[in-house]
Amino acid sequence: MDLEERVAELERRVAALEGADRPGPAVGEGDFWALDGWKAQLADIRAADGGVLFTGAVRLSTGQRYDWQYGQVTEDVLATDLATAAESFAALGHPVRLRLLREILGGRRTAAELAALDDVGTTGQIYHHLRQLTAAGWLHTTGRGRHEVPGGRVVPLLVALSAATP
């Protein structure tokens, strides 16, 4: 590899680390309005160690809309029950479960609709995955064998997927 190729590779890696290769607009002056508001709230409650905020306004292909935000001070985040957090992450830790969640968000709500998909396993395996997701709070049943992602979990799920995507 010659010097020019090595420099090009380093530039590509730096751009990836800086997020320049991520889709979306460039960040400019005043683009951190949500963060600026959150910092002001943290100052008001004297949260010296700061906190995290995630928010979203989502419209799914099914027409459902979710406007949601959640903030928590750092001290409380770090005091979270790790066993509960691990169970929630473990439920998301299987590609078929993530696919099922995506399909459910897209409008496929019954095990029969999900079983018709390629590469999701047998009906028994699908039910196993649905039970895991339900136990962790990522799904609930709405009756007549229909499943949905609870409204308060739609944006957190999309945030988790966004955070896990390099």
Protein backbone atom coordinates (compact mmCIF):
# COMPACT_ATOMS: atom_id res chain seq x y z
CA MET A 1 0.00 0.00 0.00
CA ASP A 2 1.55 3.30 -1.05
CA LEU A 3 1.50 6.53 0.93
CA GLU A 4 -1.46 8.00 -0.94
CA GLU A 5 -3.60 4.90 -0.27
CA ARG A 6 -2.60 4.91 3.40
CA VAL A 7 -3.54 8.59 3.80
CA ALA A 8 -6.89 7.99 2.04
CA GLU A 9 -7.59 5.08 4.40
CA LEU A 10 -6.73 7.19 7.46
CA GLU A 11 -9.00 9.99 6.22
CA ARG A 12 -11.85 7.50 5.77
CA ARG A 13 -11.36 6.18 9.31
CA VAL A 14 -11.26 9.69 10.82
CA ALA A 15 -14.43 10.64 8.93
CA ALA A 16 -16.16 7.52 10.24
CA LEU A 17 -15.09 8.28 13.80
CA GLU A 18 -16.34 11.85 13.50
CA GLY A 19 -19.66 10.67 12.13
CA ALA A 20 -19.19 12.39 8.78
CA ASP A 21 -20.32 9.26 6.98
CA ARG A 22 -23.63 9.11 8.88
CA PRO A 23 -26.73 10.20 7.02
CA GLY A 24 -28.33 13.46 8.02
CA PRO A 25 -27.54 17.13 7.99
CA ALA A 26 -24.29 18.60 9.22
CA VAL A 27 -24.39 20.07 12.71
CA GLY A 28 -24.27 23.83 12.80
CA GLU A 29 -24.81 26.76 15.15
CA GLY A 30 -28.01 26.34 17.18
CA ASP A 31 -28.54 22.71 16.18
CA PHE A 32 -28.28 21.50 19.78
CA TRP A 33 -31.50 23.16 20.92
CA ALA A 34 -32.75 20.00 22.68
CA LEU A 35 -29.39 19.51 24.38
CA ASP A 36 -29.20 23.18 25.35
CA GLY A 37 -32.67 22.97 26.92
CA TRP A 38 -31.70 19.78 28.75
CA LYS A 39 -28.54 21.40 30.11
CA ALA A 40 -30.63 24.30 31.43
CA GLN A 41 -32.97 21.85 33.18
CA LEU A 42 -30.02 19.99 34.66
CA ALA A 43 -28.65 23.28 36.01
CA ASP A 44 -32.06 24.08 37.53
CA ILE A 45 -32.13 20.79 39.42
CA ARG A 46 -28.44 21.07 40.28
CA ALA A 47 -27.45 17.82 38.60
CA ALA A 48 -23.71 18.41 38.76
CA ASP A 49 -22.84 15.19 36.94
CA GLY A 50 -25.20 15.90 34.05
CA GLY A 51 -27.63 13.49 32.50
CA VAL A 52 -28.93 11.93 29.33
CA LEU A 53 -31.90 12.84 27.18
CA PHE A 54 -33.42 11.00 24.31
CA THR A 55 -36.37 12.12 22.31
CA GLY A 56 -38.14 11.37 19.09
CA ALA A 57 -41.08 12.18 16.86
CA VAL A 58 -41.84 9.05 14.85
CA ARG A 59 -44.46 8.21 12.25
CA LEU A 60 -44.51 4.55 11.29
CA SER A 61 -45.59 3.14 7.94
CA THR A 62 -48.79 2.04 9.71
CA GLY A 63 -49.67 5.72 10.26
CA GLN A 64 -49.11 5.59 14.02
CA ARG A 65 -47.32 8.59 15.53
CA TYR A 66 -45.18 8.64 18.64
CA ASP A 67 -43.84 11.81 20.23
CA TRP A 68 -41.70 10.92 23.20
CA GLN A 69 -38.87 12.16 25.37
CA TYR A 70 -37.11 10.96 28.46
CA GLY A 71 -34.33 12.42 30.53
CA GLN A 72 -32.49 11.03 33.51
CA VAL A 73 -29.65 12.37 35.62
CA THR A 74 -26.35 10.49 35.46
CA GLU A 75 -26.49 9.40 39.09
CA ASP A 76 -29.83 7.65 38.51
CA VAL A 77 -28.67 6.02 35.27
CA LEU A 78 -25.61 4.58 37.01
CA ALA A 79 -27.78 3.34 39.91
CA THR A 80 -30.04 1.37 37.52
CA ASP A 81 -30.71 -2.25 38.45
CA LEU A 82 -28.21 -3.99 36.18
CA ALA A 83 -30.06 -7.31 36.19
CA THR A 84 -33.17 -5.66 34.75
CA ALA A 85 -31.11 -3.74 32.20
CA ALA A 86 -29.31 -6.96 31.19
CA GLU A 87 -32.64 -8.77 30.65
CA SER A 88 -33.85 -5.95 28.43
CA PHE A 89 -30.64 -5.95 26.38
CA ALA A 90 -30.63 -9.75 26.20
CA ALA A 91 -34.13 -9.72 24.71
CA LEU A 92 -32.82 -7.44 21.96
CA GLY A 93 -29.67 -9.51 21.53
CA HIS A 94 -30.99 -11.84 18.85
CA PRO A 95 -31.29 -10.84 15.19
CA VAL A 96 -34.62 -12.66 14.76
CA ARG A 97 -36.11 -10.75 17.70
CA LEU A 98 -34.97 -7.47 16.21
CA ARG A 99 -36.50 -8.49 12.90
CA LEU A 100 -39.76 -9.42 14.61
CA LEU A 101 -39.86 -6.02 16.32
CA ARG A 102 -39.23 -4.28 13.01
CA GLU A 103 -41.98 -6.28 11.32
CA ILE A 104 -44.41 -5.59 14.16
CA LEU A 105 -43.66 -1.87 13.94
CA GLY A 106 -44.34 -2.20 10.21
CA GLY A 107 -47.80 -3.68 10.75
CA ARG A 108 -47.37 -7.44 10.95
CA ARG A 109 -48.96 -8.13 14.31
CA THR A 110 -49.86 -11.83 14.57
CA ALA A 111 -47.68 -14.90 14.87
CA ALA A 112 -49.20 -16.18 11.62
CA GLU A 113 -48.15 -13.02 9.76
CA LEU A 114 -44.69 -13.26 11.27
CA ALA A 115 -44.38 -16.99 10.48
CA ALA A 116 -44.95 -16.20 6.79
CA LEU A 117 -41.64 -14.31 6.71
CA ASP A 118 -38.46 -15.95 5.51
CA ASP A 119 -35.67 -16.78 7.97
CA VAL A 120 -37.55 -16.21 11.25
CA GLY A 121 -37.88 -19.85 12.25
CA THR A 122 -40.73 -22.14 13.12
CA THR A 123 -43.96 -21.04 14.73
CA GLY A 124 -42.68 -22.42 18.04
CA GLN A 125 -39.46 -20.44 17.73
CA ILE A 126 -41.42 -17.30 16.89
CA TYR A 127 -43.59 -17.74 19.99
CA HIS A 128 -40.44 -18.22 22.07
CA HIS A 129 -39.00 -14.95 20.74
CA LEU A 130 -42.30 -13.12 21.27
CA ARG A 131 -42.42 -14.34 24.88
CA GLN A 132 -38.86 -13.10 25.49
CA LEU A 133 -39.69 -9.68 24.04
CA THR A 134 -42.92 -9.49 26.03
CA ALA A 135 -41.22 -10.49 29.30
CA ALA A 136 -38.65 -7.71 28.79
CA GLY A 137 -41.37 -5.14 28.04
CA TRP A 138 -40.53 -4.63 24.37
CA LEU A 139 -43.90 -6.09 23.32
CA HIS A 140 -47.35 -6.57 24.69
CA THR A 141 -50.36 -8.44 23.40
CA THR A 142 -53.44 -6.51 22.38
CA GLY A 143 -55.81 -9.46 22.22
CA ARG A 144 -56.73 -11.93 19.49
CA GLY A 145 -53.07 -12.95 19.20
CA ARG A 146 -51.91 -9.51 18.12
CA HIS A 147 -48.65 -8.01 19.35
CA GLU A 148 -47.44 -4.43 19.42
CA VAL A 149 -44.52 -2.42 20.70
CA PRO A 150 -45.87 -0.31 23.59
CA GLY A 151 -45.98 3.38 22.70
CA GLY A 152 -43.46 4.25 25.40
CA ARG A 153 -40.97 1.77 23.95
CA VAL A 154 -41.05 2.78 20.26
CA VAL A 155 -38.59 5.67 20.51
CA PRO A 156 -36.30 3.86 23.02
CA LEU A 157 -36.15 0.90 20.63
CA LEU A 158 -35.20 3.17 17.74
CA VAL A 159 -32.64 4.91 19.97
CA ALA A 160 -31.11 1.55 20.94
CA LEU A 161 -30.94 0.51 17.29
CA SER A 162 -29.39 3.86 16.36
CA ALA A 163 -26.82 3.56 19.15
CA ALA A 164 -25.90 0.04 18.07
CA THR A 165 -25.36 1.02 14.44
CA PRO A 166 -21.79 2.13 13.72
